[in-house]
Amino acid sequence: MYLYKGKCNISGEKIRRLRNEMELSQEALAAKLQLSGMEITQKTVSRIESGKRVVPDFELKYFAEFFHKPVEWFLEE
């Protein structure tokens, strides 16, 4: 049973856009986030970007720090 119908996050599209602007693959982004202490794989990045996975607040902090954006920026529609 799924808890959400449709997208599970509103930050995935922004994460994809920033990753593409930096010319990083999903694999490279996952590797860089792993170096900062986040447990993430390429498949997880893909699921986040496509909106198929929830992004918990503690994970969103890693994205915010990596991309030099405030956490709130990822939550704005």
Protein backbone atom coordinates (compact mmCIF):
# COMPACT_ATOMS: atom_id res chain seq x y z
CA MET A 1 0.00 0.00 0.00
CA TYR A 2 1.28 3.46 -0.91
CA LEU A 3 0.92 6.43 1.40
CA TYR A 4 1.08 8.99 -1.41
CA LYS A 5 -0.71 9.24 -4.72
CA GLY A 6 1.39 10.91 -7.38
CA LYS A 7 4.62 12.60 -6.32
CA CYS A 8 6.16 11.92 -2.92
CA ASN A 9 8.25 15.11 -2.79
CA ILE A 10 8.47 18.61 -4.23
CA SER A 11 12.26 18.86 -4.07
CA GLY A 12 13.17 16.22 -6.65
CA GLU A 13 12.79 18.44 -9.69
CA LYS A 14 14.99 21.11 -8.11
CA ILE A 15 17.62 18.52 -7.19
CA ARG A 16 17.63 17.26 -10.79
CA ARG A 17 17.97 20.79 -12.17
CA LEU A 18 20.88 21.66 -9.86
CA ARG A 19 22.61 18.35 -10.60
CA ASN A 20 22.30 18.96 -14.34
CA GLU A 21 23.58 22.54 -13.99
CA MET A 22 26.67 21.11 -12.29
CA GLU A 23 26.95 18.50 -15.06
CA LEU A 24 26.92 15.65 -12.56
CA SER A 25 25.52 12.20 -13.18
CA GLN A 26 23.22 10.69 -10.59
CA GLU A 27 26.05 8.30 -9.72
CA ALA A 28 28.50 11.18 -9.18
CA LEU A 29 26.01 13.09 -7.02
CA ALA A 30 25.41 9.99 -4.90
CA ALA A 31 29.17 9.49 -4.48
CA LYS A 32 29.71 13.11 -3.38
CA LEU A 33 26.83 12.91 -0.90
CA GLN A 34 28.23 9.63 0.45
CA LEU A 35 31.53 11.39 1.13
CA SER A 36 29.65 13.91 3.27
CA GLY A 37 28.09 11.09 5.31
CA MET A 38 24.75 10.51 3.59
CA GLU A 39 23.78 6.93 2.81
CA ILE A 40 22.49 7.18 -0.77
CA THR A 41 22.82 5.34 -4.08
CA GLN A 42 22.28 6.31 -7.72
CA LYS A 43 18.95 4.48 -7.65
CA THR A 44 17.84 6.54 -4.65
CA VAL A 45 18.80 9.77 -6.43
CA SER A 46 16.76 8.63 -9.43
CA ARG A 47 13.72 7.87 -7.28
CA ILE A 48 13.99 11.24 -5.51
CA GLU A 49 14.29 13.15 -8.78
CA SER A 50 11.31 11.35 -10.29
CA GLY A 51 9.22 12.04 -7.18
CA LYS A 52 8.84 8.36 -6.33
CA ARG A 53 10.61 8.64 -2.96
CA VAL A 54 10.07 10.82 0.08
CA VAL A 55 13.03 13.01 1.10
CA PRO A 56 13.24 13.11 4.91
CA ASP A 57 14.30 16.38 6.51
CA PHE A 58 17.65 15.00 7.65
CA GLU A 59 18.48 14.03 4.05
CA LEU A 60 17.32 17.35 2.67
CA LYS A 61 20.00 19.00 4.81
CA TYR A 62 22.69 17.11 2.89
CA PHE A 63 21.31 18.32 -0.44
CA ALA A 64 21.07 21.88 0.87
CA GLU A 65 24.66 21.87 2.09
CA PHE A 66 25.98 20.29 -1.10
CA PHE A 67 24.15 22.68 -3.42
CA HIS A 68 24.68 25.73 -1.13
CA LYS A 69 20.96 26.45 -0.87
CA PRO A 70 18.77 26.93 2.20
CA VAL A 71 16.59 23.93 3.05
CA GLU A 72 13.51 26.10 2.55
CA TRP A 73 14.43 26.64 -1.11
CA PHE A 74 13.85 22.93 -1.80
CA LEU A 75 10.37 23.13 -0.26
CA GLU A 76 9.06 26.09 -2.23
CA GLU A 77 6.73 25.25 -5.09
